[in-house]
Protein backbone atom coordinates (compact mmCIF):
# COMPACT_ATOMS: atom_id res chain seq x y z
CA UNK A 1 -7.12 -147.60 27.28
CA UNK A 2 -7.56 -144.02 27.11
CA UNK A 3 -4.49 -143.08 29.88
CA UNK A 4 -2.24 -145.59 28.03
CA UNK A 5 -2.39 -143.35 25.00
CA UNK A 6 -2.90 -139.49 27.39
CA UNK A 7 0.45 -141.05 28.96
CA UNK A 8 2.37 -142.00 26.14
CA UNK A 9 3.08 -138.56 24.38
CA UNK A 10 4.28 -137.45 27.71
CA UNK A 11 6.77 -139.78 28.05
CA UNK A 12 8.07 -139.44 25.09
CA UNK A 13 7.35 -135.40 25.66
CA UNK A 14 9.40 -136.54 29.08
CA UNK A 15 12.06 -138.02 27.64
CA UNK A 16 12.89 -135.46 24.28
CA UNK A 17 13.33 -133.26 27.51
CA UNK A 18 15.29 -135.09 29.91
CA UNK A 19 17.63 -136.23 26.48
CA UNK A 20 19.31 -132.66 26.59
CA UNK A 21 21.24 -133.20 29.20
CA UNK A 22 22.65 -135.60 28.67
CA UNK A 23 24.29 -134.60 25.27
CA UNK A 24 25.18 -131.38 26.23
CA UNK A 25 27.00 -133.15 29.18
CA UNK A 26 28.27 -136.33 26.59
CA UNK A 27 29.36 -133.01 24.54
CA UNK A 28 31.81 -131.59 27.35
CA UNK A 29 34.53 -133.51 26.34
CA UNK A 30 35.97 -131.49 23.08
CA UNK A 31 36.97 -128.01 23.31
CA UNK A 32 34.74 -126.34 20.66
CA UNK A 33 31.94 -127.76 22.31
CA UNK A 34 32.58 -126.07 25.68
CA UNK A 35 33.20 -123.11 23.97
CA UNK A 36 29.33 -122.93 22.54
CA UNK A 37 28.16 -124.37 25.84
CA UNK A 38 29.49 -121.59 27.73
CA UNK A 39 29.76 -118.53 24.69
CA UNK A 40 26.91 -116.40 27.40
CA UNK A 41 30.39 -116.42 30.93
CA UNK A 42 32.70 -116.00 27.48
CA UNK A 43 30.51 -112.69 26.89
CA UNK A 44 29.54 -111.69 30.45
CA UNK A 45 33.87 -111.83 30.90
CA UNK A 46 34.07 -109.58 28.29
CA UNK A 47 31.49 -107.09 29.22
CA UNK A 48 33.31 -105.85 32.08
CA UNK A 49 35.82 -104.06 30.58
CA UNK A 50 33.29 -102.66 28.94
CA UNK A 51 30.70 -101.52 31.74
CA UNK A 52 34.30 -100.49 32.65
CA UNK A 53 35.26 -98.22 29.65
CA UNK A 54 32.10 -96.84 29.41
CA UNK A 55 31.53 -96.16 33.14
CA UNK A 56 28.23 -97.97 33.14
CA UNK A 57 26.60 -98.45 37.20
CA UNK A 58 29.32 -101.38 38.11
CA UNK A 59 26.28 -102.58 40.98
CA UNK A 60 24.72 -103.05 37.97
CA UNK A 61 26.55 -105.91 35.90
CA UNK A 62 27.97 -106.81 39.71
CA UNK A 63 23.93 -108.13 40.47
CA UNK A 64 23.51 -109.63 36.63
CA UNK A 65 26.77 -111.61 37.04
CA UNK A 66 26.25 -112.94 39.76
CA UNK A 67 22.91 -113.86 39.46
CA UNK A 68 24.24 -115.39 35.93
CA UNK A 69 26.92 -117.27 37.64
CA UNK A 70 24.42 -118.58 40.25
CA UNK A 71 21.81 -120.03 37.92
CA UNK A 72 24.55 -121.10 35.65
CA UNK A 73 25.38 -122.91 39.43
CA UNK A 74 21.85 -124.28 40.13
CA UNK A 75 21.66 -125.90 35.92
CA UNK A 76 25.09 -127.77 36.50
CA UNK A 77 23.62 -129.36 39.41
CA UNK A 78 20.27 -129.99 37.87
CA UNK A 79 21.10 -131.01 35.32
CA UNK A 80 23.93 -133.69 37.26
CA UNK A 81 21.23 -134.44 39.82
CA UNK A 82 17.91 -135.50 37.05
CA UNK A 83 21.14 -137.19 35.14
CA UNK A 84 21.25 -139.72 38.43
CA UNK A 85 18.00 -139.99 38.41
CA UNK A 86 17.57 -140.64 35.03
CA UNK A 87 19.92 -143.68 35.33
CA UNK A 88 17.75 -144.87 38.90
CA UNK A 89 15.09 -144.97 36.56
CA UNK A 90 12.67 -142.02 38.27
CA UNK A 91 11.49 -140.07 35.08
CA UNK A 92 8.36 -138.26 37.09
CA UNK A 93 12.05 -137.65 40.03
CA UNK A 94 14.04 -135.94 36.42
CA UNK A 95 11.14 -134.00 35.11
CA UNK A 96 10.31 -132.40 38.49
CA UNK A 97 13.89 -131.35 38.97
CA UNK A 98 14.49 -129.76 35.26
CA UNK A 99 10.36 -128.00 35.74
CA UNK A 100 11.42 -126.41 39.57
CA UNK A 101 15.03 -125.27 38.58
CA UNK A 102 14.20 -124.05 35.22
CA UNK A 103 11.66 -121.74 36.86
CA UNK A 104 13.69 -120.76 39.90
CA UNK A 105 16.14 -120.43 37.35
CA UNK A 106 14.27 -117.57 35.69
CA UNK A 107 12.65 -116.06 38.98
CA UNK A 108 16.24 -115.30 40.64
CA UNK A 109 17.80 -113.79 37.55
CA UNK A 110 14.38 -111.61 37.35
CA UNK A 111 13.98 -110.76 40.85
CA UNK A 112 17.81 -109.76 40.96
CA UNK A 113 17.01 -107.35 38.07
CA UNK A 114 13.99 -106.17 39.62
CA UNK A 115 15.61 -105.68 43.52
CA UNK A 116 18.80 -104.06 41.92
CA UNK A 117 16.81 -101.77 40.12
CA UNK A 118 14.62 -101.01 42.89
CA UNK A 119 17.27 -100.80 45.83
CA UNK A 120 19.53 -99.19 43.90
CA UNK A 121 19.49 -96.90 41.06
CA UNK A 122 17.34 -97.29 37.88
CA UNK A 123 20.31 -97.10 35.86
CA UNK A 124 21.71 -100.10 38.16
CA UNK A 125 18.65 -102.27 36.64
CA UNK A 126 18.51 -101.09 33.69
CA UNK A 127 22.48 -101.91 33.05
CA UNK A 128 21.62 -105.47 34.85
CA UNK A 129 18.66 -106.03 32.59
CA UNK A 130 20.13 -104.81 29.35
CA UNK A 131 23.03 -107.18 30.45
CA UNK A 132 20.83 -110.20 31.08
CA UNK A 133 19.04 -109.67 27.55
CA UNK A 134 22.15 -110.11 25.88
CA UNK A 135 23.29 -113.15 28.06
CA UNK A 136 19.98 -115.42 27.54
CA UNK A 137 20.51 -114.52 23.34
CA UNK A 138 23.76 -115.95 23.51
CA UNK A 139 22.89 -118.88 26.05
CA UNK A 140 19.42 -120.03 23.44
CA UNK A 141 21.27 -119.82 20.46
CA UNK A 142 24.35 -121.39 21.54
CA UNK A 143 22.25 -123.95 23.27
CA UNK A 144 20.71 -124.51 19.35
CA UNK A 145 23.82 -124.59 17.81
CA UNK A 146 24.93 -126.86 20.38
CA UNK A 147 22.16 -129.45 19.46
CA UNK A 148 23.23 -129.12 15.28
CA UNK A 149 26.66 -129.74 15.75
CA UNK A 150 26.77 -132.42 18.17
CA UNK A 151 23.81 -134.05 17.58
CA UNK A 152 22.53 -136.77 20.17
CA UNK A 153 23.80 -139.78 19.36
CA UNK A 154 20.94 -142.34 18.17
CA UNK A 155 19.16 -139.25 16.90
């Protein structure tokens, strides 16, 4: 009986964590939803002319951009794969996918910044870190705005 009590909150938390992927996919059809969801990529594109005009390190920009786009691809694949696992009723697999990819995304971006700073110039690492900080901030803010503007059906 004690075991049933502890698994119920875990089941609720896993359901809440995984429903975010479905809501993001559901909002994908509307243009404002897409704009909010991908505002970080718009910032990334807008940062290139700024880096060029200000004569900031382009290696830092290139590494941060490559890592950011790669982590976006990882996120899209994880959303699709975890959604398929949920549709088949395998919550553990879906949670494992979300957890592993979330950690992998963080490590990918952090290691890219670290390596460009160590192998290139320190300014390259600083430029990559500052750009990534701006991208993460916009990504998280837009995620929150997306949840407010496009609530999940039935909530």
